[in-house]
N, C-alpha and C. Protein backbone atom coordinates (compact mmCIF):
# COMPACT_ATOMS: atom_id res chain seq x y z
N MET A 1 101.74 146.54 -22.62
CA MET A 1 102.31 145.54 -21.20
C MET A 1 103.36 145.49 -20.89
N ALA A 2 103.09 145.45 -19.44
CA ALA A 2 105.34 145.09 -18.96
C ALA A 2 106.03 144.15 -19.75
N LYS A 3 106.79 144.18 -19.60
CA LYS A 3 108.16 142.53 -20.05
C LYS A 3 108.44 141.75 -19.02
N THR A 4 108.30 141.06 -18.82
CA THR A 4 109.14 140.23 -17.01
C THR A 4 110.36 140.52 -18.09
N LYS A 5 112.02 139.80 -17.29
CA LYS A 5 113.49 139.46 -17.56
C LYS A 5 113.12 138.40 -17.58
N LYS A 6 113.61 137.55 -18.75
CA LYS A 6 114.00 136.96 -18.50
C LYS A 6 114.54 135.36 -18.20
N THR A 7 114.70 134.88 -17.52
CA THR A 7 116.45 133.97 -16.74
C THR A 7 116.37 133.18 -17.60
N SER A 8 117.91 132.71 -17.57
CA SER A 8 117.94 131.37 -19.01
C SER A 8 118.41 130.10 -17.52
N PRO A 9 117.14 129.11 -17.95
CA PRO A 9 117.48 128.14 -16.87
C PRO A 9 119.56 127.74 -16.17
N ASP A 10 120.40 127.56 -17.13
CA ASP A 10 121.11 127.75 -16.36
C ASP A 10 122.09 128.24 -15.65
N LEU A 11 121.37 130.33 -15.95
CA LEU A 11 122.68 131.32 -14.34
C LEU A 11 121.36 131.02 -13.63
N THR A 12 119.96 131.04 -13.51
CA THR A 12 119.17 130.78 -12.24
C THR A 12 119.71 129.11 -11.59
N ALA A 13 120.40 128.98 -11.68
CA ALA A 13 120.79 126.30 -11.68
C ALA A 13 122.22 127.07 -10.73
N THR A 14 122.94 128.21 -11.28
CA THR A 14 124.44 128.44 -11.13
C THR A 14 123.75 129.80 -10.08
N LYS A 15 123.44 130.57 -9.85
CA LYS A 15 122.33 131.17 -9.20
C LYS A 15 121.85 130.45 -7.80
N ILE A 16 121.50 129.65 -7.67
CA ILE A 16 121.21 128.97 -6.98
C ILE A 16 122.59 127.40 -6.20
N GLN A 17 122.75 127.41 -6.73
CA GLN A 17 124.04 126.78 -6.39
C GLN A 17 125.00 127.20 -5.42
N GLU A 18 125.31 129.06 -6.20
CA GLU A 18 125.69 130.44 -5.29
C GLU A 18 125.55 130.20 -3.75
N LEU A 19 124.39 130.44 -3.60
CA LEU A 19 123.80 130.72 -2.35
C LEU A 19 123.56 129.42 -1.63
N GLU A 20 123.25 128.42 -2.21
CA GLU A 20 123.47 127.32 -1.18
C GLU A 20 124.66 126.76 -0.73
N GLU A 21 126.50 126.93 -2.15
CA GLU A 21 127.04 127.49 -1.08
C GLU A 21 127.59 128.10 -0.60
N LYS A 22 126.79 129.00 -0.01
CA LYS A 22 126.64 130.42 0.56
C LYS A 22 126.71 130.36 1.70
N ASN A 23 125.44 129.99 1.78
CA ASN A 23 124.12 128.66 3.34
C ASN A 23 124.99 127.56 3.44
N LEU A 24 125.85 126.91 3.25
CA LEU A 24 126.71 126.22 3.96
C LEU A 24 128.29 127.08 4.48
N VAL A 25 128.55 127.57 4.03
CA VAL A 25 129.90 128.29 4.55
C VAL A 25 129.74 128.94 6.28
N LEU A 26 128.71 129.83 5.72
CA LEU A 26 127.04 130.50 6.42
C LEU A 26 126.90 129.68 7.86
N GLN A 27 126.41 128.60 7.65
CA GLN A 27 125.86 127.52 8.63
C GLN A 27 127.06 126.89 8.90
N ASP A 28 128.42 126.05 8.52
CA ASP A 28 129.55 127.02 9.40
C ASP A 28 130.04 127.01 10.44
N LYS A 29 130.33 128.72 9.71
CA LYS A 29 130.48 129.70 10.72
C LYS A 29 129.58 129.71 11.78
N LEU A 30 129.03 129.66 11.63
CA LEU A 30 127.46 129.96 12.76
C LEU A 30 127.87 128.32 13.78
N ASN A 31 128.21 127.37 12.75
CA ASN A 31 128.05 126.26 13.89
C ASN A 31 129.36 126.25 15.28
N ARG A 32 130.78 126.82 13.85
CA ARG A 32 131.56 127.53 15.08
C ARG A 32 132.11 128.32 16.11
N SER A 33 130.97 128.97 15.81
CA SER A 33 130.34 130.35 17.00
C SER A 33 129.54 129.92 18.09
N LEU A 34 128.95 129.25 17.53
CA LEU A 34 128.13 128.27 19.38
C LEU A 34 129.29 127.38 19.47
N ALA A 35 129.25 126.43 19.43
CA ALA A 35 130.31 125.77 19.57
C ALA A 35 131.67 127.08 20.69
N ASP A 36 132.00 127.46 19.85
CA ASP A 36 133.11 129.23 20.87
C ASP A 36 132.03 129.47 21.57
N TYR A 37 131.21 129.33 21.45
CA TYR A 37 130.73 130.37 22.81
C TYR A 37 129.64 128.73 23.78
N SER A 38 130.02 128.13 23.44
CA SER A 38 129.67 126.98 24.29
C SER A 38 131.06 126.45 25.08
N ASN A 39 132.27 126.80 24.71
CA ASN A 39 133.52 126.68 25.29
C ASN A 39 133.27 127.46 26.04
N LEU A 40 132.95 128.69 26.14
CA LEU A 40 133.66 129.71 26.00
C LEU A 40 133.21 129.33 27.76
N GLU A 41 132.38 129.81 27.52
CA GLU A 41 130.10 129.58 28.25
C GLU A 41 130.83 128.19 29.94
N LYS A 42 131.52 127.37 29.23
CA LYS A 42 132.00 126.56 30.66
C LYS A 42 133.42 127.11 30.52
N ARG A 43 134.96 127.58 30.49
CA ARG A 43 136.40 127.67 30.88
C ARG A 43 135.20 129.08 31.70
N VAL A 44 134.63 129.52 31.77
CA VAL A 44 134.45 130.72 31.87
C VAL A 44 133.66 129.95 34.27
N GLU A 45 132.37 128.71 33.93
CA GLU A 45 132.22 128.54 34.77
C GLU A 45 133.86 127.32 35.83
N SER A 46 134.51 127.06 34.39
CA SER A 46 135.50 126.81 35.63
C SER A 46 136.02 127.09 36.23
N GLN A 47 136.31 128.37 35.24
CA GLN A 47 137.00 129.49 36.22
C GLN A 47 136.71 129.97 37.25
N ARG A 48 135.16 130.61 37.47
CA ARG A 48 133.86 130.50 38.60
C ARG A 48 133.93 130.20 39.89
N GLN A 49 134.55 128.39 39.68
CA GLN A 49 134.47 126.83 40.13
C GLN A 49 136.15 127.63 40.92
N PHE A 50 137.26 127.47 40.74
CA PHE A 50 138.15 128.07 40.49
C PHE A 50 138.95 128.54 41.89
N PHE A 51 137.73 129.82 41.76
CA PHE A 51 138.48 131.40 42.75
C PHE A 51 137.12 130.41 43.02
N VAL A 52 135.94 130.23 43.33
CA VAL A 52 135.37 129.86 45.05
C VAL A 52 135.67 129.17 45.73
N THR A 53 136.42 128.37 45.13
CA THR A 53 137.29 127.26 45.59
C THR A 53 138.55 127.62 46.76
N LEU A 54 139.75 128.96 45.45
CA LEU A 54 140.59 129.50 46.94
C LEU A 54 140.15 130.42 48.04
N ALA A 55 139.05 131.40 47.19
CA ALA A 55 138.27 132.03 48.37
C ALA A 55 137.82 131.23 49.88
N THR A 56 137.33 129.71 49.27
CA THR A 56 136.42 128.67 50.39
C THR A 56 137.75 128.25 51.04
N THR A 57 138.84 127.49 50.60
CA THR A 57 140.20 127.54 50.62
C THR A 57 141.27 128.46 51.97
N ALA A 58 140.64 129.30 51.57
CA ALA A 58 140.90 130.40 52.53
C ALA A 58 140.67 131.23 53.88
N VAL A 59 139.27 131.23 53.42
CA VAL A 59 138.20 131.10 55.15
C VAL A 59 138.79 129.64 55.65
N VAL A 60 138.30 129.36 54.54
CA VAL A 60 139.21 127.65 55.77
C VAL A 60 139.80 127.34 56.47
N THR A 61 140.56 127.75 55.96
CA THR A 61 142.45 127.27 56.63
C THR A 61 141.32 128.48 57.92
N LYS A 62 141.76 129.35 57.78
CA LYS A 62 141.75 130.06 58.48
C LYS A 62 140.55 129.67 60.11
N MET A 63 139.47 129.00 59.61
CA MET A 63 138.78 128.32 60.96
C MET A 63 139.41 127.39 61.89
N ILE A 64 139.98 126.70 60.70
CA ILE A 64 140.74 125.33 61.16
C ILE A 64 141.59 125.91 62.53
N GLU A 65 142.09 126.94 62.23
CA GLU A 65 143.37 127.48 63.36
C GLU A 65 142.52 127.49 64.27
N ALA A 66 140.99 128.52 64.03
CA ALA A 66 140.32 129.13 64.98
C ALA A 66 140.15 127.69 65.73
N LEU A 67 140.11 126.59 64.77
CA LEU A 67 139.17 125.74 65.86
C LEU A 67 140.39 124.86 66.78
N ASP A 68 141.84 125.21 65.86
CA ASP A 68 143.49 124.44 67.16
C ASP A 68 143.48 125.03 68.16
N ASP A 69 143.07 126.41 68.36
CA ASP A 69 142.69 127.30 69.41
C ASP A 69 141.59 127.19 70.47
N PHE A 70 139.78 126.52 69.59
CA PHE A 70 139.76 126.25 70.40
C PHE A 70 139.69 125.36 71.50
N ASN A 71 139.84 124.11 70.67
CA ASN A 71 140.63 122.50 71.19
C ASN A 71 141.46 122.06 72.04
N LEU A 72 142.71 123.42 72.08
CA LEU A 72 144.10 123.53 73.18
C LEU A 72 142.92 124.89 74.41
N ALA A 73 142.11 125.26 73.98
CA ALA A 73 142.01 125.33 74.96
C ALA A 73 140.73 124.38 76.00
N TYR A 74 139.77 124.04 75.07
CA TYR A 74 139.04 122.98 75.94
C TYR A 74 140.13 122.49 76.37
N SER A 75 141.13 121.80 75.52
CA SER A 75 141.98 120.51 76.92
C SER A 75 142.45 121.15 78.21
N HIS A 76 142.78 122.46 78.73
CA HIS A 76 143.78 122.77 79.43
C HIS A 76 141.64 122.80 80.51
N LEU A 77 140.39 123.08 80.05
CA LEU A 77 139.48 123.80 80.00
C LEU A 77 138.20 122.93 81.01
N GLN A 78 138.79 122.23 80.22
CA GLN A 78 137.42 121.39 79.93
C GLN A 78 136.00 121.61 80.50
N ASP A 79 135.08 122.96 79.84
CA ASP A 79 134.43 123.54 79.75
C ASP A 79 132.51 123.35 78.67
N SER A 80 132.56 122.15 79.78
CA SER A 80 131.01 121.73 78.63
C SER A 80 130.49 123.31 77.38
N GLY A 81 130.74 124.06 78.17
CA GLY A 81 129.77 125.19 77.23
C GLY A 81 130.90 125.70 76.67
N LEU A 82 132.05 125.86 76.29
CA LEU A 82 133.12 125.65 75.26
C LEU A 82 132.79 124.04 74.38
N LYS A 83 132.88 123.23 75.09
CA LYS A 83 132.62 121.56 74.02
C LYS A 83 131.71 121.92 73.21
N MET A 84 130.45 122.47 73.76
CA MET A 84 129.17 122.82 72.81
C MET A 84 129.35 123.57 71.91
N ALA A 85 130.42 124.56 72.18
CA ALA A 85 130.59 125.84 71.24
C ALA A 85 131.57 124.87 70.01
N ILE A 86 132.32 124.40 70.65
CA ILE A 86 133.05 123.88 69.39
C ILE A 86 132.42 122.73 68.45
N ASP A 87 132.00 121.85 69.90
CA ASP A 87 131.01 121.23 67.59
C ASP A 87 129.90 122.13 67.34
N LYS A 88 129.06 122.88 68.04
CA LYS A 88 128.79 123.75 67.14
C LYS A 88 129.59 123.96 65.66
N PHE A 89 130.57 124.84 65.92
CA PHE A 89 131.56 125.03 64.92
C PHE A 89 131.93 123.69 64.51
N ILE A 90 131.91 122.93 64.70
CA ILE A 90 132.73 121.06 63.85
C ILE A 90 131.46 122.11 62.86
N SER A 91 130.44 121.20 63.24
CA SER A 91 129.20 120.98 63.12
C SER A 91 129.08 122.11 61.39
N ALA A 92 129.31 122.91 61.68
CA ALA A 92 129.04 124.77 60.51
C ALA A 92 130.34 124.04 59.87
N LEU A 93 131.37 123.85 60.01
CA LEU A 93 131.95 122.94 59.43
C LEU A 93 132.10 121.69 58.38
N LYS A 94 131.63 121.53 59.37
CA LYS A 94 130.52 119.95 57.88
C LYS A 94 129.60 120.44 57.14
N SER A 95 129.56 120.99 57.71
CA SER A 95 128.21 121.70 56.52
C SER A 95 128.85 122.25 54.99
N GLU A 96 129.92 122.25 55.35
CA GLU A 96 130.14 123.22 54.25
C GLU A 96 131.23 123.20 53.91
N GLY A 97 130.82 121.15 54.10
CA GLY A 97 131.84 119.83 52.77
C GLY A 97 133.91 119.92 53.86
N VAL A 98 134.16 120.64 54.54
CA VAL A 98 135.49 119.58 54.97
C VAL A 98 135.40 118.39 56.46
N GLU A 99 136.04 117.86 55.88
CA GLU A 99 135.87 116.72 56.71
C GLU A 99 137.52 116.58 57.44
N GLU A 100 136.82 115.80 58.51
CA GLU A 100 138.39 115.98 59.60
C GLU A 100 138.92 114.36 58.23
N ILE A 101 140.90 114.37 58.45
CA ILE A 101 141.27 113.74 58.46
C ILE A 101 141.81 112.88 59.85
N ASN A 102 141.68 112.03 60.62
CA ASN A 102 142.02 111.42 61.62
C ASN A 102 142.59 109.71 61.27
N PRO A 103 143.42 110.08 61.27
CA PRO A 103 144.26 108.97 60.49
C PRO A 103 145.16 107.42 61.56
N ILE A 104 144.52 108.52 62.97
CA ILE A 104 145.34 107.52 63.76
C ILE A 104 145.11 104.84 63.67
N ASP A 105 146.10 104.94 63.92
CA ASP A 105 145.65 103.20 63.21
C ASP A 105 145.98 102.60 61.64
N THR A 106 147.11 103.54 60.82
CA THR A 106 146.79 104.00 59.76
C THR A 106 147.52 103.36 58.59
N GLU A 107 148.19 102.97 57.66
CA GLU A 107 149.58 103.35 56.85
C GLU A 107 149.15 104.82 56.73
N PHE A 108 150.46 105.11 56.28
CA PHE A 108 150.55 106.88 56.38
C PHE A 108 150.76 106.70 54.92
N ASP A 109 149.99 108.01 54.71
CA ASP A 109 150.24 108.51 53.35
C ASP A 109 150.16 109.51 52.58
N PRO A 110 151.24 108.94 52.34
CA PRO A 110 151.74 111.23 51.88
C PRO A 110 150.70 112.50 51.13
N GLU A 111 150.03 111.71 50.99
CA GLU A 111 148.89 112.50 50.60
C GLU A 111 147.85 114.12 50.74
N THR A 112 147.73 113.05 52.34
CA THR A 112 146.89 113.27 53.17
C THR A 112 146.94 113.63 54.59
N MET A 113 149.03 113.04 54.50
CA MET A 113 149.61 113.06 56.10
C MET A 113 150.96 114.27 55.98
N GLU A 114 151.55 114.38 56.82
CA GLU A 114 152.98 115.10 57.25
C GLU A 114 153.70 114.63 58.33
N CYS A 115 154.54 113.91 58.64
CA CYS A 115 155.50 113.17 59.19
C CYS A 115 156.05 113.99 59.93
N THR A 116 156.14 114.13 60.65
CA THR A 116 156.97 114.89 62.25
C THR A 116 157.56 114.44 62.66
N GLU A 117 157.79 112.94 62.61
CA GLU A 117 158.79 112.55 63.77
C GLU A 117 158.79 111.23 63.45
N ALA A 118 159.43 110.32 63.63
CA ALA A 118 159.68 108.57 63.38
C ALA A 118 160.32 108.18 64.11
N VAL A 119 159.46 107.12 64.69
CA VAL A 119 160.16 106.17 65.87
C VAL A 119 160.10 104.85 65.82
N ALA A 120 160.33 104.20 66.94
CA ALA A 120 159.90 102.19 66.85
C ALA A 120 158.37 102.08 66.73
N GLY A 121 158.26 101.44 65.91
CA GLY A 121 157.18 100.80 66.54
C GLY A 121 156.65 100.14 64.98
N GLU A 122 156.13 99.88 65.24
CA GLU A 122 155.24 98.99 63.00
C GLU A 122 155.45 99.92 61.90
N ASP A 123 156.52 99.14 61.10
CA ASP A 123 156.67 100.07 59.55
C ASP A 123 155.71 100.75 59.14
N ASN A 124 155.91 102.20 58.98
CA ASN A 124 154.92 103.40 57.84
C ASN A 124 153.33 102.65 58.92
N LYS A 125 153.96 102.82 59.81
CA LYS A 125 152.41 102.87 60.02
C LYS A 125 151.55 104.22 61.71
N VAL A 126 150.97 105.18 61.41
CA VAL A 126 150.78 105.85 62.16
C VAL A 126 150.75 105.91 63.76
N ILE A 127 151.43 106.25 64.26
CA ILE A 127 150.76 106.20 65.47
C ILE A 127 149.97 106.90 66.87
N THR A 128 150.32 108.44 66.04
CA THR A 128 150.44 109.13 66.90
C THR A 128 150.10 110.64 65.76
N VAL A 129 148.58 110.95 66.30
CA VAL A 129 148.43 112.28 65.20
C VAL A 129 148.62 112.91 66.22
N ARG A 130 149.51 114.28 65.31
CA ARG A 130 150.51 115.49 66.25
C ARG A 130 149.17 117.36 66.20
N LYS A 131 148.11 116.84 65.17
CA LYS A 131 147.79 117.57 64.50
C LYS A 131 145.81 117.07 63.71
N LEU A 132 145.22 117.06 63.93
CA LEU A 132 144.61 116.68 62.67
C LEU A 132 144.06 117.65 61.22
N GLY A 133 144.56 116.48 60.48
CA GLY A 133 144.51 116.93 59.02
C GLY A 133 143.06 117.49 58.27
N TYR A 134 142.58 118.47 57.73
CA TYR A 134 141.46 118.60 56.84
C TYR A 134 141.52 118.11 55.62
N LYS A 135 139.52 118.38 54.52
CA LYS A 135 139.07 117.91 53.50
C LYS A 135 138.98 119.29 53.00
N LEU A 136 139.01 120.03 52.15
CA LEU A 136 137.08 120.92 51.62
C LEU A 136 137.10 120.18 50.58
N ASN A 137 135.35 119.56 50.93
CA ASN A 137 135.21 119.50 49.59
C ASN A 137 136.13 117.65 48.75
N GLY A 138 136.10 116.82 49.51
CA GLY A 138 137.51 115.90 49.15
C GLY A 138 139.59 116.19 48.78
N HIS A 139 139.37 117.16 48.74
CA HIS A 139 140.10 118.25 48.96
C HIS A 139 141.08 118.61 50.05
N VAL A 140 141.94 117.52 49.86
CA VAL A 140 143.56 118.37 51.42
C VAL A 140 143.65 120.55 51.28
N VAL A 141 143.14 119.80 52.31
CA VAL A 141 143.29 121.84 52.89
C VAL A 141 144.68 122.12 54.19
N ARG A 142 144.85 120.76 55.16
CA ARG A 142 145.76 121.04 55.53
C ARG A 142 145.39 119.06 55.63
N PRO A 143 147.52 118.59 55.43
CA PRO A 143 148.28 116.90 55.79
C PRO A 143 147.45 117.35 57.60
N ALA A 144 147.28 116.11 57.81
CA ALA A 144 146.78 115.56 59.47
C ALA A 144 148.81 115.35 59.62
N GLN A 145 149.60 116.36 60.70
CA GLN A 145 151.12 115.98 60.92
C GLN A 145 150.27 114.91 62.01
N VAL A 146 151.47 113.92 61.75
CA VAL A 146 151.74 112.79 62.36
C VAL A 146 153.60 112.18 62.92
N VAL A 147 153.46 111.01 63.61
CA VAL A 147 154.05 110.79 63.86
C VAL A 147 154.25 108.98 63.66
N VAL A 148 154.83 108.46 62.09
CA VAL A 148 155.52 107.32 62.06
C VAL A 148 156.18 106.51 62.59
N GLY A 149 155.60 104.97 62.18
CA GLY A 149 156.70 103.67 63.80
C GLY A 149 157.51 104.01 62.46
N ARG A 150 158.41 102.74 62.02
CA ARG A 150 159.85 102.68 61.44
C ARG A 150 160.31 101.57 62.64
N SER A 151 160.65 100.56 61.76
CA SER A 151 160.39 98.72 62.19
C SER A 151 162.05 99.02 63.20
N ASP A 152 163.25 99.61 62.10
CA ASP A 152 164.98 99.59 62.15
C ASP A 152 164.79 100.38 62.98
N LEU A 153 163.68 101.67 64.13
CA LEU A 153 164.18 102.06 65.20
C LEU A 153 164.30 101.78 65.88
N ASN A 154 163.40 99.84 66.73
CA ASN A 154 163.50 98.66 66.94
C ASN A 154 164.41 98.91 68.41
């Protein structure tokens, strides 16, 4: 007959308690690792979004400069074909999240505008827009260049 090894109840209870404690430690490590991984995923996605925005901003800025040139050419030529091309260009920019900042007859806002000159007029009111400003997905890519009124110059 084979002899079975008998273990004392105290030894078995101790072993079970040790294993349960070890299980809790491992479970805690697993939970921390999962949380770290989740945070890493969020950080990587945030950085990816930042670099996409940075690259997009650079391209959009160059496109806006080209649009300025097209508008200048149109102001001299008044060609309907050029106007159609400009409108299509603006439409393409808008579809990518670009919007104009055209602050004529509004209060001067230093977050979206750059004052190039102050002239006699209603205090802190935009009198003339020298260059339109643009936003990309709500962030200013180029502030509008404006002439602002000042009442103390009257």
